[in-house]
Amino acid sequence: MGQVLGIGGVFYKAADGAAVKDWWKRVLGIEVTPWGAAMFKNPDQGFQQLTTFAADSGYFAPSDAPFMINLIVDDMDAVLAKVEAAGETVLNREDHEYGRFAWVMDPAGVKIELWQPLGEGPA
């Protein structure tokens, strides 16, 4: 039986893809393969979701992009320490019973949501 198992990737256009990939490595510690992709093994925690937001939602602000990327992290404090050490701004932080969240903007103007899973997801 054929079925969709999860998100296999996120792809987006950037005027300066090399700068974005450098930002991934410098700010988030993400390694990029020689062919230009960041590869992740399926995490043992959390889950992947695909959802839509209302066309007039402000959730992706201050980005003008019609999408946002969510990345699972294992230690929010350590990741945010890297972000701030790189001179980047953390837009916001929130803690919920199902996880810790923080948001940053990449050089292409895409809002990145960082998520450290805790417990079960929202019902």
Protein backbone atom coordinates (compact mmCIF):
# COMPACT_ATOMS: atom_id res chain seq x y z
CA MET A 1 0.00 0.00 0.00
CA GLY A 2 1.49 3.38 -0.95
CA GLN A 3 1.41 6.07 1.69
CA VAL A 4 3.11 9.33 2.52
CA LEU A 5 5.45 8.83 5.52
CA GLY A 6 6.50 12.40 6.35
CA ILE A 7 8.21 15.46 5.02
CA GLY A 8 11.15 14.54 2.84
CA GLY A 9 12.53 18.03 2.42
CA VAL A 10 11.93 21.73 2.25
CA PHE A 11 13.01 23.59 -0.86
CA TYR A 12 12.91 27.31 -1.47
CA LYS A 13 14.39 29.92 -3.76
CA ALA A 14 17.01 32.35 -2.45
CA ALA A 15 18.78 35.15 -4.28
CA ASP A 16 22.05 34.09 -2.62
CA GLY A 17 21.83 30.38 -1.82
CA ALA A 18 25.48 30.23 -0.80
CA ALA A 19 24.88 32.89 1.88
CA VAL A 20 21.87 30.97 3.21
CA LYS A 21 23.85 27.71 3.39
CA ASP A 22 26.72 29.53 5.10
CA TRP A 23 24.17 30.94 7.59
CA TRP A 24 22.80 27.43 8.21
CA LYS A 25 26.29 26.24 9.13
CA ARG A 26 27.47 29.32 11.01
CA VAL A 27 24.30 30.08 12.96
CA LEU A 28 22.52 26.73 13.33
CA GLY A 29 25.46 24.32 13.04
CA ILE A 30 23.91 22.50 10.06
CA GLU A 31 26.44 20.77 7.81
CA VAL A 32 25.89 21.00 4.05
CA THR A 33 26.88 18.15 1.71
CA PRO A 34 29.27 18.74 -1.20
CA TRP A 35 26.26 18.71 -3.55
CA GLY A 36 24.61 21.52 -1.53
CA ALA A 37 21.96 19.85 0.63
CA ALA A 38 21.57 19.54 4.39
CA MET A 39 20.68 15.94 5.25
CA PHE A 40 18.99 14.82 8.48
CA LYS A 41 18.22 11.39 9.84
CA ASN A 42 14.67 10.93 11.07
CA PRO A 43 14.75 12.07 14.71
CA ASP A 44 13.81 9.75 17.54
CA GLN A 45 11.66 12.47 19.06
CA GLY A 46 9.00 14.81 17.86
CA PHE A 47 7.00 14.43 14.70
CA GLN A 48 6.69 16.00 11.30
CA GLN A 49 3.60 17.85 10.21
CA LEU A 50 2.23 19.36 7.05
CA THR A 51 -0.41 22.04 7.57
CA THR A 52 -1.79 25.23 6.14
CA PHE A 53 -2.39 28.64 7.69
CA ALA A 54 -5.02 31.17 6.68
CA ALA A 55 -3.91 33.36 3.78
CA ASP A 56 -4.03 36.42 6.04
CA SER A 57 -2.21 34.78 8.98
CA GLY A 58 0.50 36.88 10.58
CA TYR A 59 2.25 33.81 12.01
CA PHE A 60 5.10 33.91 9.46
CA ALA A 61 5.78 37.63 10.10
CA PRO A 62 8.09 39.42 9.86
CA SER A 63 8.82 37.25 6.81
CA ASP A 64 7.01 38.01 3.56
CA ALA A 65 7.53 34.40 2.39
CA PRO A 66 4.37 32.31 2.04
CA PHE A 67 5.95 29.52 4.10
CA MET A 68 8.00 28.88 7.22
CA ILE A 69 10.42 26.07 8.06
CA ASN A 70 10.25 24.14 11.35
CA LEU A 71 13.45 22.44 12.52
CA ILE A 72 13.55 19.96 15.42
CA VAL A 73 16.40 20.66 17.87
CA ASP A 74 17.68 18.58 20.77
CA ASP A 75 18.78 21.41 23.08
CA MET A 76 17.10 24.78 22.57
CA ASP A 77 19.40 26.68 24.92
CA ALA A 78 22.53 25.42 23.13
CA VAL A 79 21.11 26.19 19.67
CA LEU A 80 20.06 29.69 20.72
CA ALA A 81 23.50 30.29 22.21
CA LYS A 82 24.94 29.55 18.72
CA VAL A 83 22.39 31.85 17.10
CA GLU A 84 23.21 34.73 19.42
CA ALA A 85 26.98 34.11 19.25
CA ALA A 86 26.66 34.48 15.47
CA GLY A 87 25.14 37.93 16.03
CA GLU A 88 21.62 36.88 14.99
CA THR A 89 18.41 37.97 16.69
CA VAL A 90 15.98 35.56 18.31
CA LEU A 91 12.57 36.94 17.35
CA ASN A 92 10.59 35.22 20.08
CA ARG A 93 10.59 32.24 22.46
CA GLU A 94 7.68 30.23 23.85
CA ASP A 95 7.46 27.18 26.08
CA HIS A 96 4.47 24.82 25.96
CA GLU A 97 3.79 21.43 27.53
CA TYR A 98 4.63 19.78 24.18
CA GLY A 99 7.81 21.73 23.44
CA ARG A 100 10.01 24.77 23.48
CA PHE A 101 9.94 27.09 20.47
CA ALA A 102 12.05 29.96 19.14
CA TRP A 103 12.07 31.86 15.85
CA VAL A 104 14.84 33.41 13.74
CA MET A 105 15.07 34.82 10.20
CA ASP A 106 17.53 33.50 7.64
CA PRO A 107 19.32 35.72 5.08
CA ALA A 108 16.67 34.96 2.44
CA GLY A 109 13.97 36.41 4.70
CA VAL A 110 12.51 33.02 5.62
CA LYS A 111 11.27 32.59 9.17
CA ILE A 112 12.77 29.52 10.84
CA GLU A 113 10.86 27.95 13.73
CA LEU A 114 13.06 25.94 16.09
CA TRP A 115 11.29 23.25 18.14
CA GLN A 116 12.56 21.14 21.01
CA PRO A 117 9.87 18.47 21.56
CA LEU A 118 8.68 17.79 25.11
CA GLY A 119 5.99 15.22 25.87
CA GLU A 120 3.14 14.60 23.48
CA GLY A 121 2.06 17.02 20.77
CA PRO A 122 -1.01 19.22 21.03
CA ALA A 123 -4.34 17.41 20.84
